[in-house]
Structure formats: structure tokens, C-alpha cells
Amino acid sequence: MAFMLNLPTMLISEKDLHNEGLFEIGTLPITKHEYNLKSVDWMNSSEFLDPFNEWIGLL
């Protein structure tokens, strides 16, 4: 829905998850980031916060 409304989209997925279909790199103009989602520590890392803040700036 965000893509149809021309809104910036950030996809967060589990690290090493097999990507296919719409979520394959290059299929849609979506920013995709992979993290170890089993731990909440990824939310406080600069690896997440830097792209997240950039994405927020696009809204």
C-alpha cells in the first residue's frame, strides 16, 4: 500500500532470510535491512538507527 501511495518504504527482515518474489533486491524501490531479530539489541545499534533516521526524514 505504501508503494502505491508513493511513500518511502523500509523493509526490516531477519538476517539470512531467503528473499524471493516482491522482496528480491531490485524488484521494488524498497530499502531493505537485515538484522538478528531474535534480540532487541539491533534496535539500538547505529547499523539500524542511521538508516531508520534517514528513512524518517523522507516521510
PDB file of N, CA and C in Angstrom:
ATOM      1  N   MET A   1       0.822  -1.174   0.000  1.00  0.00           N
ATOM      2  CA  MET A   1       0.000   0.000   0.000  1.00  0.00           C
ATOM      3  C   MET A   1       0.878   1.255   0.000  1.00  0.00           C
ATOM      4  N   ALA A   2       1.959   1.237   0.773  1.00  0.00           N
ATOM      5  CA  ALA A   2       2.856   2.395   0.820  1.00  0.00           C
ATOM      6  C   ALA A   2       3.444   2.665  -0.564  1.00  0.00           C
ATOM      7  N   PHE A   3       3.812   1.598  -1.277  1.00  0.00           N
ATOM      8  CA  PHE A   3       4.366   1.768  -2.625  1.00  0.00           C
ATOM      9  C   PHE A   3       3.336   2.412  -3.547  1.00  0.00           C
ATOM     10  N   MET A   4       2.093   1.996  -3.452  1.00  0.00           N
ATOM     11  CA  MET A   4       1.035   2.556  -4.298  1.00  0.00           C
ATOM     12  C   MET A   4       0.788   4.032  -3.977  1.00  0.00           C
ATOM     13  N   LEU A   5       1.022   4.424  -2.732  1.00  0.00           N
ATOM     14  CA  LEU A   5       0.839   5.820  -2.322  1.00  0.00           C
ATOM     15  C   LEU A   5       2.110   6.636  -2.487  1.00  0.00           C
ATOM     16  N   ASN A   6       3.129   6.013  -3.094  1.00  0.00           N
ATOM     17  CA  ASN A   6       4.411   6.664  -3.348  1.00  0.00           C
ATOM     18  C   ASN A   6       5.087   7.123  -2.050  1.00  0.00           C
ATOM     19  N   LEU A   7       4.953   6.310  -0.990  1.00  0.00           N
ATOM     20  CA  LEU A   7       5.591   6.603   0.288  1.00  0.00           C
ATOM     21  C   LEU A   7       6.902   5.827   0.395  1.00  0.00           C
ATOM     22  N   PRO A   8       7.916   6.412   1.022  1.00  0.00           N
ATOM     23  CA  PRO A   8       9.161   5.670   1.218  1.00  0.00           C
ATOM     24  C   PRO A   8       8.900   4.429   2.065  1.00  0.00           C
ATOM     25  N   THR A   9       9.475   3.319   1.674  1.00  0.00           N
ATOM     26  CA  THR A   9       9.226   2.059   2.353  1.00  0.00           C
ATOM     27  C   THR A   9      10.544   1.468   2.831  1.00  0.00           C
ATOM     28  N   MET A  10      10.573   1.071   4.086  1.00  0.00           N
ATOM     29  CA  MET A  10      11.752   0.424   4.655  1.00  0.00           C
ATOM     30  C   MET A  10      11.331  -0.959   5.110  1.00  0.00           C
ATOM     31  N   LEU A  11      11.991  -1.962   4.596  1.00  0.00           N
ATOM     32  CA  LEU A  11      11.690  -3.347   4.942  1.00  0.00           C
ATOM     33  C   LEU A  11      12.752  -3.852   5.911  1.00  0.00           C
ATOM     34  N   ILE A  12      12.301  -4.387   7.034  1.00  0.00           N
ATOM     35  CA  ILE A  12      13.198  -4.955   8.036  1.00  0.00           C
ATOM     36  C   ILE A  12      12.942  -6.458   8.058  1.00  0.00           C
ATOM     37  N   SER A  13      14.013  -7.232   7.888  1.00  0.00           N
ATOM     38  CA  SER A  13      13.834  -8.679   7.872  1.00  0.00           C
ATOM     39  C   SER A  13      14.903  -9.365   8.700  1.00  0.00           C
ATOM     40  N   GLU A  14      14.651 -10.626   8.994  1.00  0.00           N
ATOM     41  CA  GLU A  14      15.608 -11.455   9.724  1.00  0.00           C
ATOM     42  C   GLU A  14      16.837 -11.672   8.853  1.00  0.00           C
ATOM     43  N   LYS A  15      18.007 -11.589   9.467  1.00  0.00           N
ATOM     44  CA  LYS A  15      19.261 -11.820   8.755  1.00  0.00           C
ATOM     45  C   LYS A  15      19.265 -13.234   8.181  1.00  0.00           C
ATOM     46  N   ASP A  16      19.772 -13.379   6.986  1.00  0.00           N
ATOM     47  CA  ASP A  16      19.895 -14.665   6.281  1.00  0.00           C
ATOM     48  C   ASP A  16      18.552 -15.259   5.849  1.00  0.00           C
ATOM     49  N   LEU A  17      17.508 -14.478   5.850  1.00  0.00           N
ATOM     50  CA  LEU A  17      16.213 -14.944   5.362  1.00  0.00           C
ATOM     51  C   LEU A  17      16.269 -15.028   3.837  1.00  0.00           C
ATOM     52  N   HIS A  18      15.750 -16.089   3.266  1.00  0.00           N
ATOM     53  CA  HIS A  18      15.722 -16.238   1.810  1.00  0.00           C
ATOM     54  C   HIS A  18      14.696 -15.261   1.231  1.00  0.00           C
ATOM     55  N   ASN A  19      15.127 -14.417   0.316  1.00  0.00           N
ATOM     56  CA  ASN A  19      14.253 -13.400  -0.277  1.00  0.00           C
ATOM     57  C   ASN A  19      13.845 -13.816  -1.681  1.00  0.00           C
ATOM     58  N   GLU A  20      12.558 -13.750  -1.940  1.00  0.00           N
ATOM     59  CA  GLU A  20      12.073 -14.042  -3.281  1.00  0.00           C
ATOM     60  C   GLU A  20      10.788 -13.264  -3.516  1.00  0.00           C
ATOM     61  N   GLY A  21      10.362 -13.244  -4.735  1.00  0.00           N
ATOM     62  CA  GLY A  21       9.132 -12.528  -5.079  1.00  0.00           C
ATOM     63  C   GLY A  21       9.324 -11.030  -4.987  1.00  0.00           C
ATOM     64  N   LEU A  22       8.370 -10.341  -4.409  1.00  0.00           N
ATOM     65  CA  LEU A  22       8.420  -8.879  -4.317  1.00  0.00           C
ATOM     66  C   LEU A  22       9.580  -8.363  -3.478  1.00  0.00           C
ATOM     67  N   PHE A  23      10.108  -9.194  -2.591  1.00  0.00           N
ATOM     68  CA  PHE A  23      11.156  -8.743  -1.693  1.00  0.00           C
ATOM     69  C   PHE A  23      12.564  -9.025  -2.201  1.00  0.00           C
ATOM     70  N   GLU A  24      12.690  -9.519  -3.425  1.00  0.00           N
ATOM     71  CA  GLU A  24      14.004  -9.680  -4.023  1.00  0.00           C
ATOM     72  C   GLU A  24      14.575  -8.298  -4.292  1.00  0.00           C
ATOM     73  N   ILE A  25      15.865  -8.153  -4.099  1.00  0.00           N
ATOM     74  CA  ILE A  25      16.522  -6.877  -4.327  1.00  0.00           C
ATOM     75  C   ILE A  25      16.305  -6.434  -5.769  1.00  0.00           C
ATOM     76  N   GLY A  26      15.848  -5.195  -5.931  1.00  0.00           N
ATOM     77  CA  GLY A  26      15.656  -4.629  -7.253  1.00  0.00           C
ATOM     78  C   GLY A  26      14.255  -4.792  -7.813  1.00  0.00           C
ATOM     79  N   THR A  27      13.403  -5.562  -7.163  1.00  0.00           N
ATOM     80  CA  THR A  27      12.043  -5.747  -7.659  1.00  0.00           C
ATOM     81  C   THR A  27      11.222  -4.475  -7.476  1.00  0.00           C
ATOM     82  N   LEU A  28      11.285  -3.903  -6.294  1.00  0.00           N
ATOM     83  CA  LEU A  28      10.589  -2.657  -5.979  1.00  0.00           C
ATOM     84  C   LEU A  28      11.583  -1.679  -5.371  1.00  0.00           C
ATOM     85  N   PRO A  29      11.297  -0.383  -5.455  1.00  0.00           N
ATOM     86  CA  PRO A  29      12.207   0.598  -4.840  1.00  0.00           C
ATOM     87  C   PRO A  29      12.017   0.640  -3.330  1.00  0.00           C
ATOM     88  N   ILE A  30      12.442  -0.423  -2.675  1.00  0.00           N
ATOM     89  CA  ILE A  30      12.285  -0.563  -1.227  1.00  0.00           C
ATOM     90  C   ILE A  30      13.676  -0.643  -0.599  1.00  0.00           C
ATOM     91  N   THR A  31      13.859   0.056   0.502  1.00  0.00           N
ATOM     92  CA  THR A  31      15.086  -0.057   1.267  1.00  0.00           C
ATOM     93  C   THR A  31      14.936  -1.241   2.198  1.00  0.00           C
ATOM     94  N   LYS A  32      15.854  -2.198   2.091  1.00  0.00           N
ATOM     95  CA  LYS A  32      15.756  -3.422   2.889  1.00  0.00           C
ATOM     96  C   LYS A  32      16.977  -3.542   3.778  1.00  0.00           C
ATOM     97  N   HIS A  33      16.727  -3.844   5.048  1.00  0.00           N
ATOM     98  CA  HIS A  33      17.798  -4.018   6.015  1.00  0.00           C
ATOM     99  C   HIS A  33      17.582  -5.333   6.755  1.00  0.00           C
ATOM    100  N   GLU A  34      18.676  -6.049   7.008  1.00  0.00           N
ATOM    101  CA  GLU A  34      18.598  -7.345   7.682  1.00  0.00           C
ATOM    102  C   GLU A  34      19.276  -7.269   9.044  1.00  0.00           C
ATOM    103  N   TYR A  35      18.598  -7.804  10.048  1.00  0.00           N
ATOM    104  CA  TYR A  35      19.105  -7.794  11.417  1.00  0.00           C
ATOM    105  C   TYR A  35      18.808  -9.126  12.081  1.00  0.00           C
ATOM    106  N   ASN A  36      19.498  -9.396  13.198  1.00  0.00           N
ATOM    107  CA  ASN A  36      19.190 -10.547  14.025  1.00  0.00           C
ATOM    108  C   ASN A  36      18.007 -10.143  14.909  1.00  0.00           C
ATOM    109  N   LEU A  37      16.804 -10.498  14.520  1.00  0.00           N
ATOM    110  CA  LEU A  37      15.591 -10.054  15.201  1.00  0.00           C
ATOM    111  C   LEU A  37      15.285 -10.853  16.463  1.00  0.00           C
ATOM    112  N   LYS A  38      16.099 -11.851  16.764  1.00  0.00           N
ATOM    113  CA  LYS A  38      15.879 -12.635  17.983  1.00  0.00           C
ATOM    114  C   LYS A  38      16.269 -11.850  19.234  1.00  0.00           C
ATOM    115  N   SER A  39      16.995 -10.788  19.046  1.00  0.00           N
ATOM    116  CA  SER A  39      17.435  -9.944  20.145  1.00  0.00           C
ATOM    117  C   SER A  39      16.936  -8.518  19.890  1.00  0.00           C
ATOM    118  N   VAL A  40      16.605  -7.776  20.925  1.00  0.00           N
ATOM    119  CA  VAL A  40      16.143  -6.392  20.740  1.00  0.00           C
ATOM    120  C   VAL A  40      17.312  -5.418  20.593  1.00  0.00           C
ATOM    121  N   ASP A  41      18.533  -5.900  20.748  1.00  0.00           N
ATOM    122  CA  ASP A  41      19.705  -5.028  20.662  1.00  0.00           C
ATOM    123  C   ASP A  41      19.849  -4.351  19.298  1.00  0.00           C
ATOM    124  N   TRP A  42      19.360  -4.964  18.239  1.00  0.00           N
ATOM    125  CA  TRP A  42      19.503  -4.392  16.906  1.00  0.00           C
ATOM    126  C   TRP A  42      18.822  -3.029  16.809  1.00  0.00           C
ATOM    127  N   MET A  43      17.778  -2.797  17.608  1.00  0.00           N
ATOM    128  CA  MET A  43      17.046  -1.525  17.539  1.00  0.00           C
ATOM    129  C   MET A  43      17.844  -0.346  18.085  1.00  0.00           C
ATOM    130  N   ASN A  44      18.855  -0.620  18.889  1.00  0.00           N
ATOM    131  CA  ASN A  44      19.668   0.445  19.473  1.00  0.00           C
ATOM    132  C   ASN A  44      21.013   0.620  18.778  1.00  0.00           C
ATOM    133  N   SER A  45      21.259  -0.156  17.738  1.00  0.00           N
ATOM    134  CA  SER A  45      22.551  -0.086  17.045  1.00  0.00           C
ATOM    135  C   SER A  45      22.539   1.026  15.993  1.00  0.00           C
ATOM    136  N   SER A  46      23.715   1.579  15.734  1.00  0.00           N
ATOM    137  CA  SER A  46      23.817   2.598  14.682  1.00  0.00           C
ATOM    138  C   SER A  46      23.559   1.977  13.313  1.00  0.00           C
ATOM    139  N   GLU A  47      23.810   0.661  13.202  1.00  0.00           N
ATOM    140  CA  GLU A  47      23.527  -0.054  11.948  1.00  0.00           C
ATOM    141  C   GLU A  47      22.040   0.051  11.593  1.00  0.00           C
ATOM    142  N   PHE A  48      21.168   0.121  12.602  1.00  0.00           N
ATOM    143  CA  PHE A  48      19.742   0.303  12.378  1.00  0.00           C
ATOM    144  C   PHE A  48      19.343   1.781  12.438  1.00  0.00           C
ATOM    145  N   LEU A  49      19.801   2.496  13.452  1.00  0.00           N
ATOM    146  CA  LEU A  49      19.336   3.864  13.680  1.00  0.00           C
ATOM    147  C   LEU A  49      19.699   4.833  12.558  1.00  0.00           C
ATOM    148  N   ASP A  50      20.872   4.689  11.963  1.00  0.00           N
ATOM    149  CA  ASP A  50      21.267   5.594  10.880  1.00  0.00           C
ATOM    150  C   ASP A  50      20.322   5.491   9.678  1.00  0.00           C
ATOM    151  N   PRO A  51      20.085   4.292   9.121  1.00  0.00           N
ATOM    152  CA  PRO A  51      19.147   4.207   8.000  1.00  0.00           C
ATOM    153  C   PRO A  51      17.710   4.515   8.418  1.00  0.00           C
ATOM    154  N   PHE A  52      17.340   4.178   9.648  1.00  0.00           N
ATOM    155  CA  PHE A  52      15.982   4.470  10.117  1.00  0.00           C
ATOM    156  C   PHE A  52      15.742   5.977  10.171  1.00  0.00           C
ATOM    157  N   ASN A  53      16.690   6.726  10.712  1.00  0.00           N
ATOM    158  CA  ASN A  53      16.540   8.182  10.766  1.00  0.00           C
ATOM    159  C   ASN A  53      16.525   8.796   9.376  1.00  0.00           C
ATOM    160  N   GLU A  54      17.307   8.232   8.472  1.00  0.00           N
ATOM    161  CA  GLU A  54      17.280   8.702   7.081  1.00  0.00           C
ATOM    162  C   GLU A  54      15.908   8.440   6.460  1.00  0.00           C
ATOM    163  N   TRP A  55      15.354   7.258   6.713  1.00  0.00           N
ATOM    164  CA  TRP A  55      14.025   6.912   6.194  1.00  0.00           C
ATOM    165  C   TRP A  55      12.961   7.837   6.774  1.00  0.00           C
ATOM    166  N   ILE A  56      13.036   8.122   8.087  1.00  0.00           N
ATOM    167  CA  ILE A  56      12.081   9.034   8.727  1.00  0.00           C
ATOM    168  C   ILE A  56      12.143  10.407   8.067  1.00  0.00           C
ATOM    169  N   GLY A  57      13.334  10.850   7.690  1.00  0.00           N
ATOM    170  CA  GLY A  57      13.495  12.142   7.030  1.00  0.00           C
ATOM    171  C   GLY A  57      12.825  12.203   5.667  1.00  0.00           C
ATOM    172  N   LEU A  58      12.550  11.048   5.051  1.00  0.00           N
ATOM    173  CA  LEU A  58      11.914  11.021   3.733  1.00  0.00           C
ATOM    174  C   LEU A  58      10.389  11.154   3.825  1.00  0.00           C
ATOM    175  N   LEU A  59       9.833  10.958   5.029  1.00  0.00           N
ATOM    176  CA  LEU A  59       8.374  10.982   5.180  1.00  0.00           C
ATOM    177  C   LEU A  59       7.819  12.384   5.136  1.00  0.00           C
TER     178      LEU A  59
END
